[in-house]
Every structure is written in C-alpha cells, then in structure tokens.
Amino acid sequence: MVQQCTIIRRLFLMAMLLPGVAFVYANPPANFTQAKKKAEIIFRTNRSTLYCDCTYNEKNQIDLLSFQMQEAAVKSRRASRVEYDT
C-alpha cells in the first residue's frame, strides 16, 4: 500500500512538471512557413484533418469519400486539397 502511494505521488509529480518542461524547451515557429513545415512533420504519421477528420494521402489530396462530403464540394478542386490557415 505504501509503495503504491509512492508510485502515485511520483506519477503526479511528473504529470505536474511535464507541461513546464515542455514549455521551457518549446521552440515556436517564427513565421507561417516554419509553422507549415512543422505541421507537415507532425501530421506525416496521422493523415487526417483537424476540422472534419477526413483522410488524405502523401500528396495532400483529401479522400472526399472518407467523410460524408456533399456533392457540390466533391466537384470543387479546392475541396480536394489540404490547406493551412493563418
């Protein structure tokens, strides 16, 4: 029981310190181009959009059938690619 409390205390302490450590070592992008490059690296292994969770391929072409896309947007070129917002 005592050992279990010690483990829980250590986990709690690590959970409290981790955000502070991550903040200290964070290196935010200086501009939009750097932010876009970092986003591409982050999402390289998880190819789904943040807004509607649809999938896309390595060429950033969205699979419009992976989510219930309306017919009008399916014909749109812009609906078929990933874009980054500023």
Foldseek 3Di string as FASTA:
>chain_A
DVVVVVVVVVVVVCVVCVVVVCVVPDDDDPDDVVVVVVVCVVCVPPAADPPFRFGDDPVQFTPCVSDPDDPVLVPDPVSGGDDDDD
